[in-house]
Amino acid sequence: MPLVRAQGESDEAIIAVNADSNINDVADLQPNTRVAFTDDPDVRLMGMIMLEPADLHAGNIVPLLSDNHVLVAKHLLKGEADVGIILAEAYDNLSGVIKKQLRILVRSQISVIYHSLMIGPRLQNRRADIQKILLEMDKDEKGGGVLNALGFRAWQRIEDEEMEFMIDLMDTLNT
């Protein structure tokens, strides 16, 4: 069951190319495009949706599965991939030297997919207590320090209906 998510944070994806690439628009892409991505299903799904204007789908691309987003960028830099699907936050955290050698074709802005903390069945009876502690972390110095180290300011409650919507959305997008 859902507990909390980072306040004001969502997962977005980008489609990037090598800065020297002659590809200027997703619509320029053709079947058999070499697409680098990680095994993160949400990021890959968002990226594949952004590739739809070129009529690209899992059946007509050459997939290059990478262990992490830095390796996706490396595939682009080495010319091993035509485009890369990268978690926007990971792209934003790449060094300036790397980003100068890449170019973003498109960045998602759907704001409805995010990471969350969940609680398992054995702790469901403690859900409200744990949720309360997490929601109040930003109100004390140590908790605020932990949140700062995680890269955001506070936790935000997730309602069951909100999580069900996100799950339904992901299921719909996957079909």
Protein backbone atom coordinates (compact mmCIF):
# COMPACT_ATOMS: atom_id res chain seq x y z
CA MET A 1 0.00 0.00 0.00
CA PRO A 2 1.27 3.51 -0.75
CA LEU A 3 2.77 5.70 1.97
CA VAL A 4 4.44 8.81 0.57
CA ARG A 5 6.26 10.30 -2.38
CA ALA A 6 8.74 13.14 -2.73
CA GLN A 7 6.81 16.39 -2.66
CA GLY A 8 6.72 18.16 -6.01
CA GLU A 9 8.81 15.50 -7.77
CA SER A 10 7.80 13.34 -10.72
CA ASP A 11 9.63 11.07 -13.10
CA GLU A 12 10.07 12.36 -16.62
CA ALA A 13 12.05 11.05 -19.56
CA ILE A 14 14.00 12.60 -22.39
CA ILE A 15 14.89 11.42 -25.86
CA ALA A 16 18.47 12.46 -26.58
CA VAL A 17 20.82 12.19 -29.53
CA ASN A 18 24.49 12.86 -30.07
CA ALA A 19 24.91 16.63 -30.57
CA ASP A 20 26.44 15.93 -34.02
CA SER A 21 23.49 13.80 -35.12
CA ASN A 22 21.55 14.87 -38.20
CA ILE A 23 18.35 13.84 -36.40
CA ASN A 24 16.48 17.02 -35.46
CA ASP A 25 13.01 15.69 -34.74
CA VAL A 26 11.55 12.41 -33.53
CA ALA A 27 9.63 12.24 -36.82
CA ASP A 28 13.01 11.93 -38.61
CA LEU A 29 13.55 8.49 -37.08
CA GLN A 30 13.07 5.35 -39.18
CA PRO A 31 12.49 1.67 -38.41
CA ASN A 32 15.63 -0.09 -37.17
CA THR A 33 16.68 2.98 -35.18
CA ARG A 34 19.13 1.96 -32.48
CA VAL A 35 17.54 2.95 -29.16
CA ALA A 36 19.52 2.79 -25.91
CA PHE A 37 17.61 2.58 -22.62
CA THR A 38 17.80 1.05 -19.15
CA ASP A 39 15.59 -1.65 -17.69
CA ASP A 40 13.45 0.97 -15.88
CA PRO A 41 10.03 0.09 -17.34
CA ASP A 42 8.41 3.47 -16.60
CA VAL A 43 11.16 5.51 -18.25
CA ARG A 44 11.29 3.15 -21.22
CA LEU A 45 7.50 3.34 -21.57
CA MET A 46 7.50 7.15 -21.54
CA GLY A 47 10.33 7.15 -24.08
CA MET A 48 8.58 4.72 -26.39
CA ILE A 49 5.44 6.85 -26.25
CA MET A 50 7.54 9.85 -27.30
CA LEU A 51 8.90 7.80 -30.24
CA GLU A 52 5.39 7.03 -31.56
CA PRO A 53 5.31 10.05 -33.95
CA ALA A 54 8.00 8.19 -35.93
CA ASP A 55 5.86 5.01 -35.87
CA LEU A 56 8.55 3.33 -33.78
CA HIS A 57 7.63 0.56 -31.38
CA ALA A 58 9.31 -2.40 -29.67
CA GLY A 59 8.95 -4.48 -32.83
CA ASN A 60 10.83 -2.18 -35.22
CA ILE A 61 13.71 -0.73 -33.18
CA VAL A 62 17.14 -2.13 -32.40
CA PRO A 63 17.18 -2.12 -28.58
CA LEU A 64 20.40 -1.47 -26.66
CA LEU A 65 19.76 -2.35 -23.02
CA SER A 66 22.11 -0.46 -20.70
CA ASP A 67 22.81 -0.94 -17.00
CA ASN A 68 22.32 2.76 -16.18
CA HIS A 69 21.58 6.13 -17.72
CA VAL A 70 25.26 7.12 -17.91
CA LEU A 71 25.83 4.11 -20.17
CA VAL A 72 22.88 5.20 -22.34
CA ALA A 73 24.67 8.53 -22.80
CA LYS A 74 27.92 6.67 -23.53
CA HIS A 75 26.19 4.67 -26.31
CA LEU A 76 25.13 7.98 -27.86
CA LEU A 77 28.58 9.53 -27.55
CA LYS A 78 30.27 6.50 -29.13
CA GLY A 79 27.74 6.39 -32.00
CA GLU A 80 26.47 2.97 -30.92
CA ALA A 81 22.90 4.28 -30.54
CA ASP A 82 20.90 6.70 -32.64
CA VAL A 83 18.72 7.86 -29.73
CA GLY A 84 18.67 7.29 -26.01
CA ILE A 85 15.84 7.24 -23.50
CA ILE A 86 17.09 8.74 -20.25
CA LEU A 87 15.42 9.58 -16.96
CA ALA A 88 15.27 13.40 -17.07
CA GLU A 89 16.72 13.73 -13.57
CA ALA A 90 19.65 11.49 -14.53
CA TYR A 91 20.24 13.57 -17.67
CA ASP A 92 20.12 16.80 -15.66
CA ASN A 93 22.77 15.35 -13.32
CA LEU A 94 25.21 14.45 -16.12
CA SER A 95 28.37 16.54 -16.25
CA GLY A 96 28.39 19.65 -18.38
CA VAL A 97 31.02 18.09 -20.62
CA ILE A 98 28.73 15.14 -21.40
CA LYS A 99 25.59 17.27 -21.87
CA LYS A 100 27.43 19.52 -24.37
CA GLN A 101 27.92 16.43 -26.53
CA LEU A 102 24.23 15.48 -26.40
CA ARG A 103 21.07 17.16 -27.64
CA ILE A 104 17.54 16.69 -26.31
CA LEU A 105 14.91 16.01 -28.96
CA VAL A 106 11.97 15.88 -26.55
CA ARG A 107 11.31 15.91 -22.79
CA SER A 108 8.15 14.44 -21.29
CA GLN A 109 5.99 16.64 -19.11
CA ILE A 110 3.26 14.35 -17.85
CA SER A 111 3.89 14.83 -14.11
CA VAL A 112 1.88 11.78 -13.06
CA ILE A 113 4.55 9.10 -12.74
CA TYR A 114 6.73 9.12 -9.65
CA HIS A 115 8.64 6.95 -7.24
CA SER A 116 6.96 6.22 -3.95
CA LEU A 117 7.49 4.47 -0.65
CA MET A 118 5.19 1.54 -0.14
CA ILE A 119 4.36 -0.61 2.87
CA GLY A 120 3.97 -4.38 2.79
CA PRO A 121 1.18 -6.49 4.25
CA ARG A 122 3.02 -7.27 7.51
CA LEU A 123 3.20 -3.58 8.44
CA GLN A 124 -0.22 -2.45 7.23
CA ASN A 125 -1.43 -2.02 10.80
CA ARG A 126 1.39 0.55 11.32
CA ARG A 127 0.73 2.40 8.06
CA ALA A 128 -0.77 5.56 9.62
CA ASP A 129 2.03 5.81 12.21
CA ILE A 130 4.82 5.38 9.66
CA GLN A 131 3.13 7.79 7.26
CA LYS A 132 2.81 10.42 10.01
CA ILE A 133 6.52 10.13 10.89
CA LEU A 134 7.55 10.51 7.26
CA LEU A 135 5.22 13.46 6.66
CA GLU A 136 6.73 15.28 9.65
CA MET A 137 10.39 14.63 8.78
CA ASP A 138 10.87 18.11 7.34
CA LYS A 139 9.92 19.69 10.68
CA ASP A 140 13.07 18.66 12.55
CA GLU A 141 16.73 19.25 11.80
CA LYS A 142 17.82 15.61 11.41
CA GLY A 143 14.82 14.67 9.29
CA GLY A 144 15.32 17.74 7.12
CA GLY A 145 18.97 16.76 6.65
CA VAL A 146 17.95 13.29 5.49
CA LEU A 147 15.44 14.75 3.04
CA ASN A 148 18.04 17.22 1.77
CA ALA A 149 20.47 14.35 1.19
CA LEU A 150 17.74 12.58 -0.80
CA GLY A 151 17.35 15.69 -2.94
CA PHE A 152 13.93 17.02 -1.95
CA ARG A 153 12.33 19.04 0.84
CA ALA A 154 9.42 16.96 2.14
CA TRP A 155 7.27 13.88 1.74
CA GLN A 156 3.75 14.07 0.37
CA ARG A 157 0.92 11.66 1.26
CA ILE A 158 -0.29 9.32 -1.48
CA GLU A 159 -3.95 8.42 -1.38
CA ASP A 160 -4.91 4.87 -2.38
CA GLU A 161 -6.99 6.21 -5.29
CA GLU A 162 -4.01 8.19 -6.60
CA MET A 163 -1.84 5.05 -6.63
CA GLU A 164 -4.62 3.04 -8.29
CA PHE A 165 -4.86 5.73 -10.99
CA MET A 166 -1.09 5.58 -11.62
CA ILE A 167 -1.19 1.76 -11.82
CA ASP A 168 -4.17 1.90 -14.22
CA LEU A 169 -2.38 4.54 -16.31
CA MET A 170 0.76 2.40 -16.57
CA ASP A 171 -1.31 -0.68 -17.48
CA THR A 172 -3.17 1.32 -20.15
CA LEU A 173 0.03 2.74 -21.59
CA ASN A 174 1.60 -0.73 -21.70
CA THR A 175 -1.18 -2.13 -23.87
